[in-house]
Amino acid sequence: MVFAQILPPLQHALSTDRPPLTGKQWHQPKSAFRPNAGFGSYEKRAEERKSLAAVKAKEKEMKDEKEAARQRLIQAIKDKRAGKAERERYQKMEETMHRKRVERLKRREKRNKMLKS
């Protein structure tokens, strides 16, 4: 019986539709500020999203093509440099082999000179 006398005034004090009993400054509850709310239809927003997605897909495709072209160019440059390095290596080997042969011939000529004299 005591609880029944206490609860109704307590529930009345806890409700938010009236000012607090303490005398503090009190304002009406505010809703969120949404200036564009209710001006456009869902179909219009969905269409805008679809067109934006199409634009983004096209941009991504263009970027991928550009990146692929860049990678092809980089790969071509790497292949060209590797070929050049290999050609230089072979050229150096040919020079080395040629020089050795020339040195061998010089030694042979010296031996022949020594024998003839």
C-alpha atoms as a PDB file:
ATOM      1  CA  MET A   1       0.000   0.000   0.000  1.00  0.00           C
ATOM      2  CA  VAL A   2       2.881   2.328   0.688  1.00  0.00           C
ATOM      3  CA  PHE A   3       4.387   1.639  -2.762  1.00  0.00           C
ATOM      4  CA  ALA A   4       1.126   2.553  -4.466  1.00  0.00           C
ATOM      5  CA  GLN A   5       1.205   5.977  -2.849  1.00  0.00           C
ATOM      6  CA  ILE A   6       4.864   6.638  -3.798  1.00  0.00           C
ATOM      7  CA  LEU A   7       4.983   5.362  -7.400  1.00  0.00           C
ATOM      8  CA  PRO A   8       2.418   7.638  -9.134  1.00  0.00           C
ATOM      9  CA  PRO A   9       4.098  10.920  -8.083  1.00  0.00           C
ATOM     10  CA  LEU A  10       7.519   9.423  -8.911  1.00  0.00           C
ATOM     11  CA  GLN A  11       6.367   8.385 -12.402  1.00  0.00           C
ATOM     12  CA  HIS A  12       4.890  11.835 -12.864  1.00  0.00           C
ATOM     13  CA  ALA A  13       8.222  13.455 -11.904  1.00  0.00           C
ATOM     14  CA  LEU A  14      10.195  11.201 -14.293  1.00  0.00           C
ATOM     15  CA  SER A  15       8.089  11.953 -17.381  1.00  0.00           C
ATOM     16  CA  THR A  16       9.847  14.162 -19.955  1.00  0.00           C
ATOM     17  CA  ASP A  17       6.847  16.102 -21.197  1.00  0.00           C
ATOM     18  CA  ARG A  18       6.959  18.676 -18.429  1.00  0.00           C
ATOM     19  CA  PRO A  19       9.692  20.899 -16.961  1.00  0.00           C
ATOM     20  CA  PRO A  20      11.874  19.449 -14.208  1.00  0.00           C
ATOM     21  CA  LEU A  21      10.907  20.182 -10.663  1.00  0.00           C
ATOM     22  CA  THR A  22      14.315  21.644  -9.836  1.00  0.00           C
ATOM     23  CA  GLY A  23      13.619  24.878 -11.741  1.00  0.00           C
ATOM     24  CA  LYS A  24      16.527  24.420 -14.127  1.00  0.00           C
ATOM     25  CA  GLN A  25      16.405  25.929 -17.601  1.00  0.00           C
ATOM     26  CA  TRP A  26      14.205  23.701 -19.749  1.00  0.00           C
ATOM     27  CA  HIS A  27      13.785  23.491 -23.517  1.00  0.00           C
ATOM     28  CA  GLN A  28      11.592  21.465 -25.811  1.00  0.00           C
ATOM     29  CA  PRO A  29      13.369  18.366 -27.177  1.00  0.00           C
ATOM     30  CA  LYS A  30      14.812  19.167 -30.582  1.00  0.00           C
ATOM     31  CA  SER A  31      14.892  16.945 -33.614  1.00  0.00           C
ATOM     32  CA  ALA A  32      17.927  16.490 -35.870  1.00  0.00           C
ATOM     33  CA  PHE A  33      18.629  19.242 -38.399  1.00  0.00           C
ATOM     34  CA  ARG A  34      18.064  17.707 -41.824  1.00  0.00           C
ATOM     35  CA  PRO A  35      17.500  20.489 -44.360  1.00  0.00           C
ATOM     36  CA  ASN A  36      17.018  18.128 -47.343  1.00  0.00           C
ATOM     37  CA  ALA A  37      14.701  15.688 -45.599  1.00  0.00           C
ATOM     38  CA  GLY A  38      11.491  15.053 -47.471  1.00  0.00           C
ATOM     39  CA  PHE A  39      12.394  17.006 -50.625  1.00  0.00           C
ATOM     40  CA  GLY A  40      13.400  14.085 -52.848  1.00  0.00           C
ATOM     41  CA  SER A  41      11.838  10.745 -53.514  1.00  0.00           C
ATOM     42  CA  TYR A  42      13.521   7.435 -52.845  1.00  0.00           C
ATOM     43  CA  GLU A  43      13.445   6.584 -56.557  1.00  0.00           C
ATOM     44  CA  LYS A  44      15.336   9.775 -57.377  1.00  0.00           C
ATOM     45  CA  ARG A  45      17.997   9.034 -54.743  1.00  0.00           C
ATOM     46  CA  ALA A  46      18.282   5.443 -55.971  1.00  0.00           C
ATOM     47  CA  GLU A  47      18.728   6.676 -59.552  1.00  0.00           C
ATOM     48  CA  GLU A  48      21.440   9.116 -58.419  1.00  0.00           C
ATOM     49  CA  ARG A  49      23.222   6.326 -56.561  1.00  0.00           C
ATOM     50  CA  LYS A  50      23.036   4.103 -59.641  1.00  0.00           C
ATOM     51  CA  SER A  51      24.457   6.829 -61.907  1.00  0.00           C
ATOM     52  CA  LEU A  52      27.191   7.595 -59.367  1.00  0.00           C
ATOM     53  CA  ALA A  53      28.090   3.906 -59.210  1.00  0.00           C
ATOM     54  CA  ALA A  54      28.264   3.790 -63.023  1.00  0.00           C
ATOM     55  CA  VAL A  55      30.555   6.838 -63.071  1.00  0.00           C
ATOM     56  CA  LYS A  56      32.801   5.296 -60.421  1.00  0.00           C
ATOM     57  CA  ALA A  57      32.955   2.019 -62.344  1.00  0.00           C
ATOM     58  CA  LYS A  58      33.939   3.895 -65.510  1.00  0.00           C
ATOM     59  CA  GLU A  59      36.592   5.860 -63.596  1.00  0.00           C
ATOM     60  CA  LYS A  60      37.968   2.629 -62.132  1.00  0.00           C
ATOM     61  CA  GLU A  61      38.066   1.030 -65.577  1.00  0.00           C
ATOM     62  CA  MET A  62      39.910   4.042 -66.999  1.00  0.00           C
ATOM     63  CA  LYS A  63      42.395   4.049 -64.108  1.00  0.00           C
ATOM     64  CA  ASP A  64      42.989   0.312 -64.554  1.00  0.00           C
ATOM     65  CA  GLU A  65      43.627   0.794 -68.278  1.00  0.00           C
ATOM     66  CA  LYS A  66      46.030   3.642 -67.549  1.00  0.00           C
ATOM     67  CA  GLU A  67      47.851   1.561 -64.922  1.00  0.00           C
ATOM     68  CA  ALA A  68      48.044  -1.410 -67.322  1.00  0.00           C
ATOM     69  CA  ALA A  69      49.551   0.828 -70.010  1.00  0.00           C
ATOM     70  CA  ARG A  70      52.046   2.157 -67.471  1.00  0.00           C
ATOM     71  CA  GLN A  71      52.982  -1.367 -66.390  1.00  0.00           C
ATOM     72  CA  ARG A  72      53.420  -2.415 -70.044  1.00  0.00           C
ATOM     73  CA  LEU A  73      55.763   0.532 -70.580  1.00  0.00           C
ATOM     74  CA  ILE A  74      57.728  -0.321 -67.437  1.00  0.00           C
ATOM     75  CA  GLN A  75      57.981  -3.966 -68.491  1.00  0.00           C
ATOM     76  CA  ALA A  76      59.142  -2.954 -71.980  1.00  0.00           C
ATOM     77  CA  ILE A  77      61.847  -0.751 -70.464  1.00  0.00           C
ATOM     78  CA  LYS A  78      62.952  -3.578 -68.131  1.00  0.00           C
ATOM     79  CA  ASP A  79      63.081  -6.049 -71.030  1.00  0.00           C
ATOM     80  CA  LYS A  80      65.058  -3.576 -73.126  1.00  0.00           C
ATOM     81  CA  ARG A  81      67.556  -2.988 -70.304  1.00  0.00           C
ATOM     82  CA  ALA A  82      67.915  -6.735 -69.695  1.00  0.00           C
ATOM     83  CA  GLY A  83      68.556  -7.338 -73.399  1.00  0.00           C
ATOM     84  CA  LYS A  84      71.106  -4.547 -73.492  1.00  0.00           C
ATOM     85  CA  ALA A  85      72.899  -5.949 -70.432  1.00  0.00           C
ATOM     86  CA  GLU A  86      72.990  -9.404 -72.014  1.00  0.00           C
ATOM     87  CA  ARG A  87      74.303  -8.024 -75.299  1.00  0.00           C
ATOM     88  CA  GLU A  88      77.008  -6.110 -73.414  1.00  0.00           C
ATOM     89  CA  ARG A  89      77.942  -9.269 -71.510  1.00  0.00           C
ATOM     90  CA  TYR A  90      78.268 -11.256 -74.732  1.00  0.00           C
ATOM     91  CA  GLN A  91      80.260  -8.443 -76.312  1.00  0.00           C
ATOM     92  CA  LYS A  92      82.593  -8.397 -73.333  1.00  0.00           C
ATOM     93  CA  MET A  93      82.996 -12.178 -73.549  1.00  0.00           C
ATOM     94  CA  GLU A  94      83.828 -11.872 -77.246  1.00  0.00           C
ATOM     95  CA  GLU A  95      86.379  -9.207 -76.481  1.00  0.00           C
ATOM     96  CA  THR A  96      87.830 -11.357 -73.717  1.00  0.00           C
ATOM     97  CA  MET A  97      87.975 -14.411 -75.947  1.00  0.00           C
ATOM     98  CA  HIS A  98      89.489 -12.375 -78.757  1.00  0.00           C
ATOM     99  CA  ARG A  99      92.087 -10.833 -76.473  1.00  0.00           C
ATOM    100  CA  LYS A 100      93.074 -14.255 -75.163  1.00  0.00           C
ATOM    101  CA  ARG A 101      93.441 -15.541 -78.682  1.00  0.00           C
ATOM    102  CA  VAL A 102      95.564 -12.553 -79.624  1.00  0.00           C
ATOM    103  CA  GLU A 103      97.760 -13.084 -76.561  1.00  0.00           C
ATOM    104  CA  ARG A 104      98.138 -16.750 -77.459  1.00  0.00           C
ATOM    105  CA  LEU A 105      99.170 -15.856 -80.985  1.00  0.00           C
ATOM    106  CA  LYS A 106     101.695 -13.336 -79.662  1.00  0.00           C
ATOM    107  CA  ARG A 107     103.243 -15.981 -77.410  1.00  0.00           C
ATOM    108  CA  ARG A 108     103.412 -18.397 -80.309  1.00  0.00           C
ATOM    109  CA  GLU A 109     105.112 -15.791 -82.448  1.00  0.00           C
ATOM    110  CA  LYS A 110     107.653 -15.154 -79.668  1.00  0.00           C
ATOM    111  CA  ARG A 111     108.407 -18.859 -79.398  1.00  0.00           C
ATOM    112  CA  ASN A 112     108.877 -19.123 -83.140  1.00  0.00           C
ATOM    113  CA  LYS A 113     111.210 -16.116 -83.078  1.00  0.00           C
ATOM    114  CA  MET A 114     113.229 -17.637 -80.281  1.00  0.00           C
ATOM    115  CA  LEU A 115     113.514 -20.906 -82.182  1.00  0.00           C
ATOM    116  CA  LYS A 116     114.588 -19.225 -85.413  1.00  0.00           C
ATOM    117  CA  SER A 117     117.290 -17.153 -83.848  1.00  0.00           C
END
